[in-house]
Amino acid sequence: MRGGRGGDGGLSFRREKHVPKGGPDGGDGGPGGSVVLVADPELRDLSGFRHGQRFVASSGQPGRSALKHGASGETLELPVPVGTQVLDEEERLIADLIRPAARAVVASGGGAGRGNKRFASPTRQTPRFAETGLPGEEAWLTLQLKLLADAALVGLPNAGKSSLLARISNARPKVAEYPFTTLQPMLGTVDSPSGRQLVVADVPGLIEGASEGIGLGHEFLAHLERARLLLHVIDAAAGEPLERFVQIQRELEAYGAGLDQLPQVVVLNKIDLLPEPPATESWVGHPQVLRVFAVSCATAAGIEEFRRALFSLCPEPDADSDGAPDEALADYLVYRPSPRRRSPYRILRTDRGFRVVGDPPGEDELETALRAAGARDGDEIEIGEELLEFLS
């Protein structure tokens, strides 16, 4: 991401008939455009951002004669899904967009250069220099998505999570009789007769070692962090449902982030393949398990009961905040690193070339800065008392 460069200040003098010695009239340049991320509720993933892709905002226009200021560079707005996190090169959190229409400036545009009119004074009436615009902020950023859902489906591969989501919501996930049919998280909306809506996320199946990153485990488990309720789906026909429950609990506990402490509902699926209904006493007394349901996504047995109960089991957004504002639902959270230090030098454009004022950097950095400011071979470069010729 890179903000646009600020426009150069104008270097000109008033030239009109019968005004032989007009004063300076160079206008200021326009500031560069910024790169802004905007949370769009219509988006569901970050597929529009390819690895290594560059986004550059437009530059500000230079100032002109007759005190005309340059136009500002246009802001580059990039829509991202709600729940997108922005990390810098050191994996520090820069912004967390968890509300629709939340905005985060990730690369500010460069400051505009002042025209030579700004430098006129009683002792310097004909300044023959103007400031060049500053470059915009530039950074390589990583975007990652953490879904915002009221409830999230969790379980081993092929437990029937996608089939359950299709039964209770408006989602139409891919369903097949083999593991890892779901490769990306999917959201579905569940509507109640009273008008309340719940967002349920179908997260790809977990395997042993998911908390250590095996099978993209870290990426999938991260989507569970913001759920208020975990729906633990177990294939009851595969035998030993309690062992499968404990296996996933171990992964949730090893991952951390309090996932094993979230309230849970156990859903025993595929009961149509069993000769008798499964026993539910095994989960009695477990501190995190609120209820146990026996359902069949194939025949719809128990689905409607589970669907209705879901609204009473999933807490309202404010129900667990004791009257205090829920920090997880802030408009946006921004953790900016310390602001960039002001440049110890500035480059001024003169009628013969450029002047460097302040504490100039090393040769390579100065050459890069001068070239970005528009220096060409043969231009005069004034640094303190030295007068040099620019040669790239």
Foldseek 3Di string as FASTA:
>chain_A
DWWAWWAWWFFDFDDDPPCPGGFTFTAWWAWTAFEKEFAAQVDDAVVVDDPPDDDYWHYTHYTYGNRRYTHYTHHHYDYDHAQKWKAFPVRDTFKGAHAHGQMDGPKHTWAIKGYPVVVDDPVRGHDQWIFGTGTIGDTDMDMAGADAFQEEEAFAFQLCLQLLLVLAFVDDADDDRDGQSDPAKDWTWGADPVGDIGIYIYFHYDDQCLLVCPPNSVNRLSNQLNYQEYEYRGAVVVDDRVVRVVRVLVSLVSNDSCSNVHAYEYEHEDCVNPPDFDDDVVCPPPPRYDYYFYAYSVVGPRSVVCSVVVVVVRDDPCPPVVPDDDPSNDNMDGDRDPDDDDDQWTWMAGPQAIEIDGDDDDPVVNLVVRVVSPGDFQGWYHYPPDIDTDDD
